[in-house]
Amino acid sequence: MTDTGPDFAGDIAALARDPLWHAHRYDATQDAFQFRHVPREQHARATFLTDEYLGAAARIVPVPRPQALGAGAARAPLHFIFHSAFCASTMLVRALDVPGLAMGLSEPMLCNDMMGWRWRGADRRQVAAVLDASLAMLQRPFAPGEAVVVKPSNVFNPLIQAVMALRPDSRAVLLHAPLPVFLGSVARKGLWCRLWARELLEGHLREGLVDMGFGPADLFRQSDLQIAALGWLVQHRLFGQIAQALGPGRVAALDSEMLTGRQQASLLAVARHFGLGLTPDLQARMLASPALTSHSKFGQAFSAEDRAAEQDFARRAYGDEIDKVHGWALEVARANAITMELPHRLPV
């Protein structure tokens, strides 16, 4: 059932201070945030903060950006999970979502709006100003002492360096699946995912990130999995550059196999990296999160054995294609000096 939200009596400042009024979208034509009421339990149920998962909004309240910023909302510590897809990032942000510890925001549309506006030709200085305001809207504290952990969609990755510059106290986890695992996910998920991989690389091309010696004709002739591998390499190179630039005090690298193979140790290491205020009770609640034993997208029980079975299916069905593309991608990485091991691995 869609939440109708509290009666709105026109107190814009009160609304802009209240984190339960989620800053859902940014309207560049009006320079305004679009707020919708999202109770905490609805956050917990929604895989992603999109209309598909939140459902229809009973009310959308547009608030001009200057008014939203002028409301004087408090700001919680803000940290990030940046990822390159199919690496258990949703599981991680949901496991960190523990009342009293942190609020996890999974792929807010507001982040996607920043990239879409930039791709439509917005002035980059203006994008930076609105990005700063958007981060302020996302970091309104849900409860005293809580941090906010945001996991943007990976289309947002070209803005990571800007985000980390705007929030010098923020820390980030750079999460990825090893390339063969990533390729197996793309192959197993079928046509829609192969098309998604092409759309992702299209975004990288807009950003000028695909400078690996391939011209338009070369890209046209590449297979779906080659395009997916190139998108992975672009993101992996970006993650490596960010890690080198910011150092281990601010970023830590983690891969999906470590995260899923050593769930509790990885979760504790992430919480420590973010400086979350773990008490024995909060730690116990975090480690008992149902996110660790359920499918992040569909909600049914999902174990490490189930995940291994999915990977085994991909290997049996598409192993020859995966192996050939993986070998090709390693040569592309070598030719472009892309290291496959990210620096500053999270100590798990």
Protein backbone atom coordinates (compact mmCIF):
# COMPACT_ATOMS: atom_id res chain seq x y z
CA MET A 1 0.00 0.00 0.00
CA THR A 2 1.33 3.42 -0.89
CA ASP A 3 2.10 5.66 2.07
CA THR A 4 0.04 8.83 1.94
CA GLY A 5 2.44 10.80 4.12
CA PRO A 6 1.53 13.34 6.75
CA ASP A 7 -0.67 16.29 5.98
CA PHE A 8 1.42 18.97 4.33
CA ALA A 9 0.46 22.40 5.60
CA GLY A 10 2.93 24.39 3.55
CA ASP A 11 5.84 24.48 6.02
CA ILE A 12 8.60 24.12 3.46
CA ALA A 13 11.40 24.53 5.99
CA ALA A 14 10.04 21.75 8.21
CA LEU A 15 9.66 19.46 5.21
CA ALA A 16 13.20 20.14 3.98
CA ARG A 17 14.59 19.29 7.42
CA ASP A 18 12.66 16.03 7.71
CA PRO A 19 14.55 13.03 6.23
CA LEU A 20 11.28 11.13 5.86
CA TRP A 21 10.52 13.60 3.08
CA HIS A 22 12.96 12.03 0.65
CA ALA A 23 14.59 14.27 -1.97
CA HIS A 24 13.57 11.96 -4.79
CA ARG A 25 14.33 13.91 -7.98
CA TYR A 26 15.92 17.14 -9.19
CA ASP A 27 14.06 19.24 -11.76
CA ALA A 28 16.69 21.30 -13.59
CA THR A 29 14.10 23.41 -15.41
CA GLN A 30 12.74 24.69 -12.07
CA ASP A 31 15.98 24.33 -10.07
CA ALA A 32 13.92 22.45 -7.51
CA PHE A 33 14.02 19.19 -5.59
CA GLN A 34 10.96 16.97 -5.71
CA PHE A 35 10.22 15.53 -2.28
CA ARG A 36 8.06 12.49 -1.54
CA HIS A 37 7.27 10.98 1.85
CA VAL A 38 9.15 7.69 2.43
CA PRO A 39 8.94 6.21 5.94
CA ARG A 40 11.90 4.21 7.15
CA GLU A 41 10.11 0.89 6.79
CA GLN A 42 9.41 1.73 3.15
CA HIS A 43 13.12 2.42 2.64
CA ALA A 44 13.82 -1.03 4.05
CA ARG A 45 11.35 -2.72 1.68
CA ALA A 46 12.51 -0.93 -1.48
CA THR A 47 15.40 -2.60 -3.27
CA PHE A 48 16.17 0.71 -4.98
CA LEU A 49 14.83 4.21 -4.36
CA THR A 50 13.05 4.30 -7.72
CA ASP A 51 9.40 4.67 -8.60
CA GLU A 52 9.32 1.00 -9.60
CA TYR A 53 10.13 -0.10 -6.05
CA LEU A 54 8.66 2.77 -4.02
CA GLY A 55 5.34 2.72 -5.85
CA ALA A 56 3.21 5.70 -6.77
CA ALA A 57 3.67 8.76 -4.58
CA ALA A 58 0.56 10.15 -2.91
CA ARG A 59 2.13 13.59 -3.05
CA ILE A 60 5.17 15.20 -4.69
CA VAL A 61 6.24 18.52 -3.17
CA PRO A 62 8.61 20.63 -5.29
CA VAL A 63 10.95 22.85 -3.28
CA PRO A 64 13.29 25.36 -4.95
CA ARG A 65 16.92 24.52 -4.24
CA PRO A 66 17.67 27.77 -2.33
CA GLN A 67 14.71 27.14 -0.02
CA ALA A 68 15.69 23.52 0.55
CA LEU A 69 19.22 24.56 1.49
CA GLY A 70 18.00 27.52 3.53
CA ALA A 71 15.93 25.28 5.79
CA GLY A 72 19.04 24.58 7.83
CA ALA A 73 18.75 20.78 8.00
CA ALA A 74 21.33 18.99 10.13
CA ARG A 75 23.89 16.85 8.34
CA ALA A 76 24.84 13.32 9.32
CA PRO A 77 28.23 11.74 8.56
CA LEU A 78 27.98 10.66 4.92
CA HIS A 79 29.73 7.66 3.38
CA PHE A 80 29.48 5.83 0.06
CA ILE A 81 29.46 2.40 -1.53
CA PHE A 82 30.55 2.86 -5.14
CA HIS A 83 30.29 -0.27 -7.27
CA SER A 84 30.66 -1.62 -10.80
CA ALA A 85 27.51 -3.84 -10.72
CA PHE A 86 26.64 -7.43 -9.86
CA CYS A 87 28.84 -7.45 -6.74
CA ALA A 88 26.40 -7.71 -3.77
CA SER A 89 26.36 -3.94 -3.23
CA THR A 90 22.62 -3.95 -2.46
CA MET A 91 23.13 -6.63 0.17
CA LEU A 92 25.88 -4.54 1.75
CA VAL A 93 23.98 -1.25 1.96
CA ARG A 94 20.89 -3.02 3.32
CA ALA A 95 22.94 -4.83 5.97
CA LEU A 96 24.38 -1.50 7.16
CA ASP A 97 20.85 -0.07 7.49
CA VAL A 98 20.40 -0.52 11.24
CA PRO A 99 18.40 2.01 13.29
CA GLY A 100 20.76 3.72 15.70
CA LEU A 101 23.80 2.94 13.52
CA ALA A 102 23.25 4.08 9.93
CA MET A 103 20.65 4.66 7.27
CA GLY A 104 21.31 3.00 3.93
CA LEU A 105 20.07 4.69 0.75
CA SER A 106 20.08 2.33 -2.22
CA GLU A 107 20.47 3.93 -5.67
CA PRO A 108 18.53 7.17 -5.13
CA MET A 109 17.16 8.65 -8.33
CA LEU A 110 18.58 12.01 -7.30
CA CYS A 111 22.08 10.72 -8.12
CA ASN A 112 20.96 9.52 -11.56
CA ASP A 113 19.42 12.93 -12.21
CA MET A 114 22.83 14.54 -11.70
CA MET A 115 24.35 12.36 -14.42
CA GLY A 116 21.40 12.78 -16.78
CA TRP A 117 21.52 16.56 -16.44
CA ARG A 118 25.27 16.56 -17.05
CA TRP A 119 24.83 14.41 -20.17
CA ARG A 120 22.21 16.84 -21.48
CA GLY A 121 24.89 19.54 -21.59
CA ALA A 122 24.55 21.30 -18.24
CA ASP A 123 27.36 23.62 -17.22
CA ARG A 124 29.68 21.54 -15.06
CA ARG A 125 30.11 24.29 -12.45
CA GLN A 126 26.34 24.39 -12.05
CA VAL A 127 26.24 20.60 -11.79
CA ALA A 128 28.81 20.80 -9.00
CA ALA A 129 26.69 23.32 -7.08
CA VAL A 130 23.54 21.21 -7.42
CA LEU A 131 25.47 18.03 -6.58
CA ASP A 132 26.62 19.68 -3.34
CA ALA A 133 23.01 20.56 -2.51
CA SER A 134 21.84 17.06 -3.42
CA LEU A 135 24.36 15.50 -1.05
CA ALA A 136 23.09 17.80 1.70
CA MET A 137 19.54 16.55 1.05
CA LEU A 138 20.66 12.92 1.23
CA GLN A 139 22.65 13.34 4.44
CA ARG A 140 19.87 14.63 6.64
CA PRO A 141 20.13 12.44 9.78
CA PHE A 142 17.38 9.90 10.35
CA ALA A 143 18.18 9.61 14.06
CA PRO A 144 20.74 11.12 16.45
CA GLY A 145 24.15 9.53 16.10
CA GLU A 146 23.37 7.78 12.83
CA ALA A 147 25.44 8.04 9.67
CA VAL A 148 24.01 7.90 6.17
CA VAL A 149 25.48 5.41 3.69
CA VAL A 150 24.59 6.02 0.04
CA LYS A 151 24.99 3.41 -2.66
CA PRO A 152 24.48 5.22 -5.98
CA SER A 153 23.85 3.40 -9.25
CA ASN A 154 27.07 2.71 -11.09
CA VAL A 155 26.08 5.18 -13.82
CA PHE A 156 27.04 7.78 -11.20
CA ASN A 157 30.68 6.64 -11.03
CA PRO A 158 32.09 9.46 -13.22
CA LEU A 159 31.07 11.84 -10.42
CA ILE A 160 32.89 9.99 -7.63
CA GLN A 161 35.89 12.33 -7.60
CA ALA A 162 33.61 15.38 -7.42
CA VAL A 163 31.61 13.84 -4.58
CA MET A 164 34.69 13.01 -2.55
CA ALA A 165 36.06 16.52 -3.09
CA LEU A 166 32.77 18.08 -1.97
CA ARG A 167 32.66 15.89 1.16
CA PRO A 168 36.26 15.66 2.44
CA ASP A 169 35.14 13.85 5.61
CA SER A 170 33.34 11.11 3.66
CA ARG A 171 34.78 7.66 3.13
CA ALA A 172 34.02 5.18 0.39
CA VAL A 173 34.14 1.48 -0.36
CA LEU A 174 34.98 0.64 -3.99
CA LEU A 175 33.18 -2.65 -4.58
CA HIS A 176 33.51 -4.85 -7.65
CA ALA A 177 33.01 -8.40 -8.87
CA PRO A 178 36.07 -10.11 -10.38
CA LEU A 179 35.83 -9.82 -14.16
CA PRO A 180 34.93 -13.48 -14.88
CA VAL A 181 32.16 -13.32 -12.28
CA PHE A 182 30.89 -10.05 -13.74
CA LEU A 183 30.88 -11.51 -17.26
CA GLY A 184 29.02 -14.58 -16.02
CA SER A 185 26.34 -12.34 -14.50
CA VAL A 186 25.89 -10.40 -17.74
CA ALA A 187 25.65 -13.60 -19.78
CA ARG A 188 23.30 -15.37 -17.36
CA LYS A 189 20.90 -12.43 -17.07
CA GLY A 190 20.21 -12.49 -20.80
CA LEU A 191 19.35 -9.94 -23.45
CA TRP A 192 18.27 -7.07 -21.17
CA CYS A 193 21.60 -7.20 -19.34
CA ARG A 194 23.63 -7.33 -22.55
CA LEU A 195 21.76 -4.21 -23.68
CA TRP A 196 22.40 -2.62 -20.27
CA ALA A 197 26.15 -3.23 -20.73
CA ARG A 198 26.01 -1.34 -24.04
CA GLU A 199 24.09 1.53 -22.45
CA LEU A 200 26.67 1.71 -19.66
CA LEU A 201 29.54 1.93 -22.14
CA GLU A 202 27.61 4.61 -24.04
CA GLY A 203 27.66 6.70 -20.85
CA HIS A 204 31.40 6.13 -20.48
CA LEU A 205 31.90 7.29 -24.07
CA ARG A 206 30.02 10.51 -23.28
CA GLU A 207 32.42 11.07 -20.40
CA GLY A 208 35.49 10.45 -22.57
CA LEU A 209 36.57 7.50 -20.42
CA VAL A 210 36.91 4.81 -23.12
CA ASP A 211 40.36 5.79 -24.38
CA MET A 212 41.74 2.28 -24.94
CA GLY A 213 42.68 2.44 -28.61
CA PHE A 214 39.32 1.45 -30.08
CA GLY A 215 37.53 3.52 -32.69
CA PRO A 216 33.77 3.52 -33.38
CA ALA A 217 34.10 0.74 -35.97
CA ASP A 218 36.03 -1.44 -33.49
CA LEU A 219 33.33 -1.04 -30.86
CA PHE A 220 30.61 -1.82 -33.41
CA ARG A 221 32.27 -5.16 -34.20
CA GLN A 222 32.72 -6.23 -30.57
CA SER A 223 30.44 -8.80 -28.97
CA ASP A 224 28.11 -8.08 -26.07
CA LEU A 225 30.52 -9.57 -23.54
CA GLN A 226 33.46 -7.65 -25.00
CA ILE A 227 31.48 -4.43 -24.53
CA ALA A 228 30.63 -5.52 -20.97
CA ALA A 229 34.30 -6.24 -20.30
CA LEU A 230 35.31 -2.81 -21.61
CA GLY A 231 32.76 -1.17 -19.29
CA TRP A 232 34.20 -3.14 -16.38
CA LEU A 233 37.75 -2.09 -17.31
CA VAL A 234 36.73 1.58 -17.55
CA GLN A 235 35.25 1.46 -14.06
CA HIS A 236 38.15 -0.56 -12.66
CA ARG A 237 40.68 1.94 -13.98
CA LEU A 238 38.60 4.77 -12.49
CA PHE A 239 38.46 2.98 -9.12
CA GLY A 240 42.24 2.51 -9.19
CA GLN A 241 42.82 6.19 -9.94
CA ILE A 242 40.49 7.25 -7.13
CA ALA A 243 42.13 4.87 -4.66
CA GLN A 244 45.60 6.14 -5.53
CA ALA A 245 44.51 9.78 -5.32
CA LEU A 246 42.64 9.58 -2.00
CA GLY A 247 44.59 6.91 -0.13
CA PRO A 248 43.55 4.23 2.37
CA GLY A 249 42.27 6.73 4.92
CA ARG A 250 39.34 7.56 2.67
CA VAL A 251 38.78 4.64 0.29
CA ALA A 252 39.00 0.88 0.59
CA ALA A 253 38.60 -1.73 -2.14
CA LEU A 254 36.51 -4.88 -1.71
CA ASP A 255 35.41 -7.59 -4.11
CA SER A 256 32.17 -9.53 -4.16
CA GLU A 257 33.77 -12.91 -3.48
CA MET A 258 35.38 -11.70 -0.27
CA LEU A 259 32.16 -9.94 0.74
CA THR A 260 29.93 -12.96 0.19
CA GLY A 261 32.50 -15.54 1.30
CA ARG A 262 33.28 -13.77 4.58
CA GLN A 263 30.10 -11.84 5.15
CA GLN A 264 30.35 -10.96 8.81
CA ALA A 265 34.07 -10.11 8.77
CA SER A 266 33.57 -7.96 5.67
CA LEU A 267 30.59 -6.15 7.16
CA LEU A 268 32.50 -5.38 10.35
CA ALA A 269 35.46 -4.12 8.31
CA VAL A 270 33.20 -1.81 6.28
CA ALA A 271 31.57 -0.47 9.46
CA ARG A 272 35.01 0.24 10.93
CA HIS A 273 36.18 1.91 7.72
CA PHE A 274 33.15 4.22 7.84
CA GLY A 275 33.75 4.92 11.53
CA LEU A 276 30.25 3.81 12.47
CA GLY A 277 29.44 3.83 16.18
CA LEU A 278 29.22 0.10 16.78
CA THR A 279 28.08 -1.00 20.22
CA PRO A 280 27.71 -4.70 21.08
CA ASP A 281 23.95 -4.44 20.55
CA LEU A 282 24.20 -2.58 17.24
CA GLN A 283 26.89 -4.99 16.02
CA ALA A 284 24.71 -7.97 16.86
CA ARG A 285 21.75 -6.43 15.03
CA MET A 286 23.89 -5.63 12.00
CA LEU A 287 25.33 -9.15 11.80
CA ALA A 288 21.82 -10.63 12.11
CA SER A 289 20.48 -8.55 9.21
CA PRO A 290 18.09 -10.51 6.97
CA ALA A 291 19.88 -8.88 4.03
CA LEU A 292 22.72 -11.36 4.55
CA THR A 293 20.50 -14.39 3.94
CA SER A 294 17.99 -13.14 1.35
CA HIS A 295 18.11 -12.25 -2.33
CA SER A 296 18.82 -8.52 -2.63
CA LYS A 297 16.47 -8.05 -5.59
CA PHE A 298 13.63 -10.51 -4.95
CA GLY A 299 13.62 -11.13 -1.19
CA GLN A 300 13.59 -14.94 -1.05
CA ALA A 301 16.09 -16.91 1.01
CA PHE A 302 19.46 -16.84 -0.73
CA SER A 303 22.65 -18.47 0.54
CA ALA A 304 26.29 -18.60 -0.50
CA GLU A 305 25.49 -22.00 -1.99
CA ASP A 306 22.70 -20.46 -4.11
CA ARG A 307 25.09 -17.80 -5.37
CA ALA A 308 27.68 -20.45 -6.20
CA ALA A 309 25.01 -22.40 -8.10
CA GLU A 310 24.21 -19.31 -10.19
CA GLN A 311 27.87 -18.87 -11.04
CA ASP A 312 28.19 -22.57 -11.88
CA PHE A 313 25.22 -22.31 -14.25
CA ALA A 314 26.84 -19.36 -16.02
CA ARG A 315 30.11 -21.25 -16.36
CA ARG A 316 28.41 -24.33 -17.81
CA ALA A 317 26.23 -22.35 -20.22
CA TYR A 318 28.64 -19.60 -21.30
CA GLY A 319 32.09 -20.73 -20.14
CA ASP A 320 33.74 -20.73 -23.57
CA GLU A 321 32.55 -17.18 -24.34
CA ILE A 322 33.50 -15.94 -20.86
CA ASP A 323 37.00 -17.45 -21.08
CA LYS A 324 37.71 -15.99 -24.51
CA VAL A 325 36.49 -12.52 -23.55
CA HIS A 326 38.33 -12.65 -20.21
CA GLY A 327 41.60 -13.46 -21.98
CA TRP A 328 40.99 -10.65 -24.49
CA ALA A 329 40.21 -8.20 -21.68
CA LEU A 330 43.43 -9.09 -19.86
CA GLU A 331 45.36 -8.13 -23.00
CA VAL A 332 43.43 -4.85 -23.25
CA ALA A 333 44.21 -4.18 -19.59
CA ARG A 334 47.91 -4.95 -20.13
CA ALA A 335 48.11 -2.67 -23.18
CA ASN A 336 46.48 0.17 -21.22
CA ALA A 337 48.37 -0.36 -17.93
CA ILE A 338 45.17 -1.22 -16.01
CA THR A 339 45.93 -3.26 -12.92
CA MET A 340 43.40 -5.95 -12.08
CA GLU A 341 44.11 -5.66 -8.34
CA LEU A 342 42.91 -2.44 -6.75
CA PRO A 343 45.09 -0.81 -4.09
CA HIS A 344 44.01 -0.31 -0.49
CA ARG A 345 42.07 -3.51 -0.12
CA LEU A 346 39.77 -3.54 2.88
CA PRO A 347 41.44 -5.51 5.69
CA VAL A 348 39.01 -8.40 6.25
